[in-house]
Every structure is written in C-alpha cells, then in structure tokens.
Amino acid sequence: MATIIYKQTGKYLPPQITILGINFIPGENEVSSEQVTEIRHFIKSDRLLNHYFEQKILTIREHPVSEET
C-alpha cells in the first residue's frame, strides 16, 4: 500500500488529478502497491505530472510491508 498526497497549493492547480483513470483529490489518497509502480512510471513520462512531483505538489509515501507470523 502507498499514499499519494496531492497538495493543491494554489488557485491555478486543478481540483483533482487523474492518473491512469484514478482521480486524486487534494489530500491523501490510498493506492495498492501494483498501482504505485504503474503511477511512478506514468509520472516519469508526463511532463506536467513530473513537474508536480519535483515541486512536491504530488508526493508518494510508501507504507512498509509488515510480515505476519
């Protein structure tokens, strides 16, 4: 699992961002590990999303995998 964080820091940013058919609203949005891999790849190939990622408007926080015994 991971959390995608979208910080809508200004009035010129869209009210939501759509990546691979998933809408991310401002705040924290949970996604699966498989989706994170695809989202990272897509962000690298998109200039605007890559800019958002570099400016920390869009961040990815991965959760550590806990081992159950």
PDB file of N, CA and C in Angstrom:
ATOM      1  N   MET A   1       0.841  -1.187   0.000  1.00  0.00           N
ATOM      2  CA  MET A   1       0.000   0.000   0.000  1.00  0.00           C
ATOM      3  C   MET A   1       0.883   1.247   0.000  1.00  0.00           C
ATOM      4  N   ALA A   2       0.312   2.298  -0.512  1.00  0.00           N
ATOM      5  CA  ALA A   2       1.005   3.579  -0.536  1.00  0.00           C
ATOM      6  C   ALA A   2      -0.033   4.692  -0.491  1.00  0.00           C
ATOM      7  N   THR A   3       0.450   5.874  -0.178  1.00  0.00           N
ATOM      8  CA  THR A   3      -0.408   7.049  -0.134  1.00  0.00           C
ATOM      9  C   THR A   3       0.102   8.056  -1.146  1.00  0.00           C
ATOM     10  N   ILE A   4      -0.785   8.524  -2.003  1.00  0.00           N
ATOM     11  CA  ILE A   4      -0.475   9.602  -2.939  1.00  0.00           C
ATOM     12  C   ILE A   4      -1.020  10.873  -2.307  1.00  0.00           C
ATOM     13  N   ILE A   5      -0.163  11.857  -2.126  1.00  0.00           N
ATOM     14  CA  ILE A   5      -0.573  13.108  -1.498  1.00  0.00           C
ATOM     15  C   ILE A   5      -0.559  14.209  -2.552  1.00  0.00           C
ATOM     16  N   TYR A   6      -1.701  14.841  -2.723  1.00  0.00           N
ATOM     17  CA  TYR A   6      -1.841  15.947  -3.670  1.00  0.00           C
ATOM     18  C   TYR A   6      -2.094  17.209  -2.870  1.00  0.00           C
ATOM     19  N   LYS A   7      -1.153  18.154  -2.964  1.00  0.00           N
ATOM     20  CA  LYS A   7      -1.274  19.437  -2.266  1.00  0.00           C
ATOM     21  C   LYS A   7      -1.708  20.492  -3.271  1.00  0.00           C
ATOM     22  N   GLN A   8      -2.944  20.903  -3.170  1.00  0.00           N
ATOM     23  CA  GLN A   8      -3.461  21.938  -4.062  1.00  0.00           C
ATOM     24  C   GLN A   8      -3.057  23.280  -3.455  1.00  0.00           C
ATOM     25  N   THR A   9      -1.843  23.726  -3.798  1.00  0.00           N
ATOM     26  CA  THR A   9      -1.241  24.882  -3.140  1.00  0.00           C
ATOM     27  C   THR A   9      -1.635  26.222  -3.734  1.00  0.00           C
ATOM     28  N   GLY A  10      -2.278  26.225  -4.871  1.00  0.00           N
ATOM     29  CA  GLY A  10      -2.641  27.494  -5.495  1.00  0.00           C
ATOM     30  C   GLY A  10      -3.924  27.381  -6.283  1.00  0.00           C
ATOM     31  N   LYS A  11      -4.476  28.520  -6.617  1.00  0.00           N
ATOM     32  CA  LYS A  11      -5.760  28.515  -7.323  1.00  0.00           C
ATOM     33  C   LYS A  11      -5.629  28.054  -8.771  1.00  0.00           C
ATOM     34  N   TYR A  12      -4.409  27.971  -9.282  1.00  0.00           N
ATOM     35  CA  TYR A  12      -4.219  27.565 -10.671  1.00  0.00           C
ATOM     36  C   TYR A  12      -4.052  26.057 -10.834  1.00  0.00           C
ATOM     37  N   LEU A  13      -3.991  25.328  -9.734  1.00  0.00           N
ATOM     38  CA  LEU A  13      -3.889  23.873  -9.814  1.00  0.00           C
ATOM     39  C   LEU A  13      -5.282  23.269  -9.952  1.00  0.00           C
ATOM     40  N   PRO A  14      -5.398  22.159 -10.664  1.00  0.00           N
ATOM     41  CA  PRO A  14      -6.723  21.554 -10.866  1.00  0.00           C
ATOM     42  C   PRO A  14      -7.311  21.015  -9.558  1.00  0.00           C
ATOM     43  N   PRO A  15      -8.650  20.947  -9.458  1.00  0.00           N
ATOM     44  CA  PRO A  15      -9.285  20.450  -8.238  1.00  0.00           C
ATOM     45  C   PRO A  15      -9.053  18.959  -8.013  1.00  0.00           C
ATOM     46  N   GLN A  16      -8.659  18.254  -9.058  1.00  0.00           N
ATOM     47  CA  GLN A  16      -8.292  16.848  -8.945  1.00  0.00           C
ATOM     48  C   GLN A  16      -7.347  16.498 -10.082  1.00  0.00           C
ATOM     49  N   ILE A  17      -6.556  15.455  -9.869  1.00  0.00           N
ATOM     50  CA  ILE A  17      -5.632  14.977 -10.896  1.00  0.00           C
ATOM     51  C   ILE A  17      -6.026  13.542 -11.221  1.00  0.00           C
ATOM     52  N   THR A  18      -6.104  13.227 -12.497  1.00  0.00           N
ATOM     53  CA  THR A  18      -6.430  11.865 -12.920  1.00  0.00           C
ATOM     54  C   THR A  18      -5.178  11.211 -13.493  1.00  0.00           C
ATOM     55  N   ILE A  19      -4.798  10.086 -12.896  1.00  0.00           N
ATOM     56  CA  ILE A  19      -3.645   9.320 -13.354  1.00  0.00           C
ATOM     57  C   ILE A  19      -4.119   7.890 -13.576  1.00  0.00           C
ATOM     58  N   LEU A  20      -4.005   7.415 -14.808  1.00  0.00           N
ATOM     59  CA  LEU A  20      -4.398   6.052 -15.165  1.00  0.00           C
ATOM     60  C   LEU A  20      -5.833   5.742 -14.746  1.00  0.00           C
ATOM     61  N   GLY A  21      -6.717   6.713 -14.890  1.00  0.00           N
ATOM     62  CA  GLY A  21      -8.125   6.509 -14.573  1.00  0.00           C
ATOM     63  C   GLY A  21      -8.479   6.631 -13.105  1.00  0.00           C
ATOM     64  N   ILE A  22      -7.503   6.976 -12.267  1.00  0.00           N
ATOM     65  CA  ILE A  22      -7.752   7.144 -10.832  1.00  0.00           C
ATOM     66  C   ILE A  22      -7.744   8.634 -10.527  1.00  0.00           C
ATOM     67  N   ASN A  23      -8.806   9.132  -9.907  1.00  0.00           N
ATOM     68  CA  ASN A  23      -8.887  10.548  -9.545  1.00  0.00           C
ATOM     69  C   ASN A  23      -8.282  10.768  -8.169  1.00  0.00           C
ATOM     70  N   PHE A  24      -7.351  11.718  -8.097  1.00  0.00           N
ATOM     71  CA  PHE A  24      -6.729  12.082  -6.831  1.00  0.00           C
ATOM     72  C   PHE A  24      -7.195  13.475  -6.458  1.00  0.00           C
ATOM     73  N   ILE A  25      -7.903  13.564  -5.338  1.00  0.00           N
ATOM     74  CA  ILE A  25      -8.364  14.856  -4.843  1.00  0.00           C
ATOM     75  C   ILE A  25      -7.315  15.392  -3.878  1.00  0.00           C
ATOM     76  N   PRO A  26      -7.349  16.692  -3.554  1.00  0.00           N
ATOM     77  CA  PRO A  26      -6.380  17.218  -2.597  1.00  0.00           C
ATOM     78  C   PRO A  26      -6.440  16.446  -1.277  1.00  0.00           C
ATOM     79  N   GLY A  27      -5.277  16.147  -0.753  1.00  0.00           N
ATOM     80  CA  GLY A  27      -5.176  15.366   0.479  1.00  0.00           C
ATOM     81  C   GLY A  27      -4.513  14.036   0.200  1.00  0.00           C
ATOM     82  N   GLU A  28      -4.787  13.075   1.078  1.00  0.00           N
ATOM     83  CA  GLU A  28      -4.168  11.764   0.972  1.00  0.00           C
ATOM     84  C   GLU A  28      -5.105  10.775   0.301  1.00  0.00           C
ATOM     85  N   ASN A  29      -4.555   9.997  -0.618  1.00  0.00           N
ATOM     86  CA  ASN A  29      -5.317   9.003  -1.377  1.00  0.00           C
ATOM     87  C   ASN A  29      -4.558   7.680  -1.339  1.00  0.00           C
ATOM     88  N   GLU A  30      -5.212   6.606  -0.902  1.00  0.00           N
ATOM     89  CA  GLU A  30      -4.585   5.289  -0.799  1.00  0.00           C
ATOM     90  C   GLU A  30      -4.619   4.561  -2.146  1.00  0.00           C
ATOM     91  N   VAL A  31      -3.506   3.900  -2.471  1.00  0.00           N
ATOM     92  CA  VAL A  31      -3.431   3.063  -3.672  1.00  0.00           C
ATOM     93  C   VAL A  31      -2.674   1.779  -3.330  1.00  0.00           C
ATOM     94  N   SER A  32      -2.840   0.766  -4.163  1.00  0.00           N
ATOM     95  CA  SER A  32      -2.157  -0.509  -3.934  1.00  0.00           C
ATOM     96  C   SER A  32      -0.708  -0.439  -4.428  1.00  0.00           C
ATOM     97  N   SER A  33       0.068  -1.416  -4.026  1.00  0.00           N
ATOM     98  CA  SER A  33       1.479  -1.469  -4.430  1.00  0.00           C
ATOM     99  C   SER A  33       1.629  -1.593  -5.937  1.00  0.00           C
ATOM    100  N   GLU A  34       0.747  -2.369  -6.568  1.00  0.00           N
ATOM    101  CA  GLU A  34       0.805  -2.539  -8.016  1.00  0.00           C
ATOM    102  C   GLU A  34       0.509  -1.220  -8.725  1.00  0.00           C
ATOM    103  N   GLN A  35      -0.462  -0.481  -8.206  1.00  0.00           N
ATOM    104  CA  GLN A  35      -0.812   0.802  -8.807  1.00  0.00           C
ATOM    105  C   GLN A  35       0.321   1.808  -8.655  1.00  0.00           C
ATOM    106  N   VAL A  36       1.044   1.765  -7.535  1.00  0.00           N
ATOM    107  CA  VAL A  36       2.148   2.707  -7.311  1.00  0.00           C
ATOM    108  C   VAL A  36       3.211   2.542  -8.381  1.00  0.00           C
ATOM    109  N   THR A  37       3.541   1.310  -8.722  1.00  0.00           N
ATOM    110  CA  THR A  37       4.550   1.056  -9.748  1.00  0.00           C
ATOM    111  C   THR A  37       4.124   1.665 -11.080  1.00  0.00           C
ATOM    112  N   GLU A  38       2.876   1.441 -11.462  1.00  0.00           N
ATOM    113  CA  GLU A  38       2.368   1.996 -12.717  1.00  0.00           C
ATOM    114  C   GLU A  38       2.297   3.517 -12.663  1.00  0.00           C
ATOM    115  N   ILE A  39       1.885   4.067 -11.534  1.00  0.00           N
ATOM    116  CA  ILE A  39       1.763   5.522 -11.380  1.00  0.00           C
ATOM    117  C   ILE A  39       3.132   6.184 -11.472  1.00  0.00           C
ATOM    118  N   ARG A  40       4.136   5.602 -10.801  1.00  0.00           N
ATOM    119  CA  ARG A  40       5.501   6.162 -10.877  1.00  0.00           C
ATOM    120  C   ARG A  40       5.987   6.213 -12.326  1.00  0.00           C
ATOM    121  N   HIS A  41       5.775   5.137 -13.061  1.00  0.00           N
ATOM    122  CA  HIS A  41       6.202   5.075 -14.462  1.00  0.00           C
ATOM    123  C   HIS A  41       5.472   6.133 -15.290  1.00  0.00           C
ATOM    124  N   PHE A  42       4.179   6.290 -15.052  1.00  0.00           N
ATOM    125  CA  PHE A  42       3.385   7.263 -15.796  1.00  0.00           C
ATOM    126  C   PHE A  42       3.824   8.691 -15.473  1.00  0.00           C
ATOM    127  N   ILE A  43       4.109   8.978 -14.199  1.00  0.00           N
ATOM    128  CA  ILE A  43       4.552  10.321 -13.794  1.00  0.00           C
ATOM    129  C   ILE A  43       5.853  10.682 -14.499  1.00  0.00           C
ATOM    130  N   LYS A  44       6.777   9.723 -14.606  1.00  0.00           N
ATOM    131  CA  LYS A  44       8.061   9.986 -15.265  1.00  0.00           C
ATOM    132  C   LYS A  44       7.892  10.332 -16.741  1.00  0.00           C
ATOM    133  N   SER A  45       6.844   9.790 -17.371  1.00  0.00           N
ATOM    134  CA  SER A  45       6.651  10.023 -18.803  1.00  0.00           C
ATOM    135  C   SER A  45       5.788  11.248 -19.105  1.00  0.00           C
ATOM    136  N   ASP A  46       5.192  11.858 -18.093  1.00  0.00           N
ATOM    137  CA  ASP A  46       4.317  13.014 -18.289  1.00  0.00           C
ATOM    138  C   ASP A  46       5.000  14.267 -17.737  1.00  0.00           C
ATOM    139  N   ARG A  47       5.213  15.272 -18.578  1.00  0.00           N
ATOM    140  CA  ARG A  47       5.963  16.464 -18.165  1.00  0.00           C
ATOM    141  C   ARG A  47       5.295  17.227 -17.030  1.00  0.00           C
ATOM    142  N   LEU A  48       3.980  17.423 -17.115  1.00  0.00           N
ATOM    143  CA  LEU A  48       3.283  18.191 -16.089  1.00  0.00           C
ATOM    144  C   LEU A  48       3.268  17.450 -14.756  1.00  0.00           C
ATOM    145  N   LEU A  49       2.952  16.164 -14.781  1.00  0.00           N
ATOM    146  CA  LEU A  49       2.944  15.388 -13.539  1.00  0.00           C
ATOM    147  C   LEU A  49       4.345  15.283 -12.954  1.00  0.00           C
ATOM    148  N   ASN A  50       5.352  15.160 -13.806  1.00  0.00           N
ATOM    149  CA  ASN A  50       6.732  15.123 -13.333  1.00  0.00           C
ATOM    150  C   ASN A  50       7.099  16.441 -12.654  1.00  0.00           C
ATOM    151  N   HIS A  51       6.637  17.551 -13.205  1.00  0.00           N
ATOM    152  CA  HIS A  51       6.861  18.863 -12.591  1.00  0.00           C
ATOM    153  C   HIS A  51       6.181  18.925 -11.220  1.00  0.00           C
ATOM    154  N   TYR A  52       4.937  18.467 -11.136  1.00  0.00           N
ATOM    155  CA  TYR A  52       4.229  18.432  -9.848  1.00  0.00           C
ATOM    156  C   TYR A  52       5.000  17.586  -8.839  1.00  0.00           C
ATOM    157  N   PHE A  53       5.543  16.461  -9.295  1.00  0.00           N
ATOM    158  CA  PHE A  53       6.293  15.567  -8.417  1.00  0.00           C
ATOM    159  C   PHE A  53       7.577  16.241  -7.930  1.00  0.00           C
ATOM    160  N   GLU A  54       8.292  16.906  -8.833  1.00  0.00           N
ATOM    161  CA  GLU A  54       9.532  17.597  -8.462  1.00  0.00           C
ATOM    162  C   GLU A  54       9.275  18.752  -7.498  1.00  0.00           C
ATOM    163  N   GLN A  55       8.148  19.436  -7.653  1.00  0.00           N
ATOM    164  CA  GLN A  55       7.814  20.578  -6.800  1.00  0.00           C
ATOM    165  C   GLN A  55       7.104  20.154  -5.512  1.00  0.00           C
ATOM    166  N   LYS A  56       6.974  18.860  -5.292  1.00  0.00           N
ATOM    167  CA  LYS A  56       6.327  18.287  -4.106  1.00  0.00           C
ATOM    168  C   LYS A  56       4.849  18.656  -3.994  1.00  0.00           C
ATOM    169  N   ILE A  57       4.226  18.952  -5.131  1.00  0.00           N
ATOM    170  CA  ILE A  57       2.777  19.143  -5.176  1.00  0.00           C
ATOM    171  C   ILE A  57       2.122  17.763  -5.134  1.00  0.00           C
ATOM    172  N   LEU A  58       2.801  16.801  -5.733  1.00  0.00           N
ATOM    173  CA  LEU A  58       2.348  15.414  -5.767  1.00  0.00           C
ATOM    174  C   LEU A  58       3.458  14.566  -5.162  1.00  0.00           C
ATOM    175  N   THR A  59       3.154  13.845  -4.088  1.00  0.00           N
ATOM    176  CA  THR A  59       4.168  13.008  -3.444  1.00  0.00           C
ATOM    177  C   THR A  59       3.619  11.601  -3.237  1.00  0.00           C
ATOM    178  N   ILE A  60       4.547  10.661  -3.147  1.00  0.00           N
ATOM    179  CA  ILE A  60       4.186   9.266  -2.909  1.00  0.00           C
ATOM    180  C   ILE A  60       4.864   8.828  -1.621  1.00  0.00           C
ATOM    181  N   ARG A  61       4.057   8.338  -0.694  1.00  0.00           N
ATOM    182  CA  ARG A  61       4.585   7.814   0.571  1.00  0.00           C
ATOM    183  C   ARG A  61       4.225   6.333   0.629  1.00  0.00           C
ATOM    184  N   GLU A  62       5.252   5.496   0.545  1.00  0.00           N
ATOM    185  CA  GLU A  62       5.010   4.052   0.573  1.00  0.00           C
ATOM    186  C   GLU A  62       5.008   3.564   2.012  1.00  0.00           C
ATOM    187  N   HIS A  63       4.098   2.635   2.286  1.00  0.00           N
ATOM    188  CA  HIS A  63       3.985   2.057   3.618  1.00  0.00           C
ATOM    189  C   HIS A  63       4.843   0.802   3.679  1.00  0.00           C
ATOM    190  N   PRO A  64       5.576   0.620   4.777  1.00  0.00           N
ATOM    191  CA  PRO A  64       6.390  -0.593   4.882  1.00  0.00           C
ATOM    192  C   PRO A  64       5.496  -1.833   4.927  1.00  0.00           C
ATOM    193  N   VAL A  65       5.993  -2.891   4.331  1.00  0.00           N
ATOM    194  CA  VAL A  65       5.248  -4.146   4.312  1.00  0.00           C
ATOM    195  C   VAL A  65       5.504  -4.861   5.625  1.00  0.00           C
ATOM    196  N   SER A  66       4.447  -5.169   6.343  1.00  0.00           N
ATOM    197  CA  SER A  66       4.607  -5.877   7.616  1.00  0.00           C
ATOM    198  C   SER A  66       4.494  -7.374   7.365  1.00  0.00           C
ATOM    199  N   GLU A  67       5.384  -8.108   7.990  1.00  0.00           N
ATOM    200  CA  GLU A  67       5.366  -9.560   7.840  1.00  0.00           C
ATOM    201  C   GLU A  67       4.523 -10.151   8.955  1.00  0.00           C
ATOM    202  N   GLU A  68       3.532 -10.928   8.563  1.00  0.00           N
ATOM    203  CA  GLU A  68       2.675 -11.569   9.556  1.00  0.00           C
ATOM    204  C   GLU A  68       3.229 -12.950   9.858  1.00  0.00           C
ATOM    205  N   THR A  69       3.245 -13.295  11.137  1.00  0.00           N
ATOM    206  CA  THR A  69       3.770 -14.612  11.520  1.00  0.00           C
ATOM    207  C   THR A  69       2.670 -15.495  12.030  1.00  0.00           C
TER     208      THR A  69
END
